[in-house]
Amino acid sequence: MFKLLLLTLVILLSSNSVASETYNDHTDFCVELRDIKCLTFIDNELQALPIHSVNWYKLMTFKLDYYYDKTEFKKLESLILQLLQIENQPESFKIQLYYFYSKTLMYFRRPEEAKKYANYVIQNVESLYHTFEDPLRMVEIANMEYVFGDKQKAYKLLLVAENKFGDRNDPVFHLELNTNKGHIFYQWKNYQRAERFYRRAVNWINNTGHDDKLMVAYSNLARVNQFLLKYEEALTYYQKTYALLQLQQDNNFIYVIALRIAEVKLQMKDIDEAIDYFELVEFDELSPHYHESYISLLKALNVEQ
């Protein structure tokens, strides 16, 4: 089953390259784990299954989702290139693979290549939606239109999804719905309305146990408040994000959040703390999307690299 991918990190980047979840969500698969890492568990389970079996494909989508959530795009691209060589793969798996690849190519600033794969996803997800009519699937179509197509059309699709399914008490659906609305208004530079939708997204996913989703919801709300010059509010949600990221030692997104906290601290004239957070950032672990921000802070704080 092809699960929604959401542009959770999009406003932290200079291009619309990063998403969060897929219809095969590794966090749900690994929710009961305590003493073993999710990726290790997925790999162990994959080795126990016949290659190219139905369950093997399903487990492989968990592995793709894991790398995607952790923003491990080099590993994700390497895995995708291997999987693209498989002949006669299930169509639903192929669509997910193309989705991940379009986002990965955008992350590496290869938009023309990305659009080719995205267009295939848009065309086929829409046909799958008409077959199964799933609320998250409708938001997925809007998400793809937002990134690679028409933002007005994307917003109309979100309104249709809300009208049809808005009375459901489904936190993940409402998280995805409101986050995508927030992204659209953010791109339209209507930060007040974007802030409203990002706050709704946080309220829906708060206290549900979905820490990965809550972490990104916090970061979106923090970023839009930074643009609204509400620095105390922005700092609060960046620090909430940072606290959750500290529990995930293999997630390089923590360097992005440290960079954003340093920016806010500088904007609040708290130079010493700005330097403290800036020095936590590993430049080599940052995507090129953040290099300009890093260099600007480097100059503003007069820190030796």
Foldseek 3Di string as FASTA:
>chain_A
DWAAWFQLQQVLFPASQATAAIYLELCVVCVPDDPDDSLVVLVVVLVVDDPLDPVNLSSVLNVLNVCRLLVVLVVNVVVLVVVVPDPPHDPSSLLSSLQSVLSSCVLVPNNVVSLVSLVVNLVVLVVVCVVPVDLRSLLRNLRSCCRRNDVVVSLVSLVVSCVVDVVDLDLVSLLRSLQSVLVSVVVVVVLVSSLVSLVSSLVSCPPPPPLSSNLSSLQSNLSSVVVVVVLVSSLVSLVVSLVSVVVVVSRLCNLSSLLVNLVSCVVVVVLVSSVVSLVVHDPVSDRPRCPVSNVVSCVVSVDDD
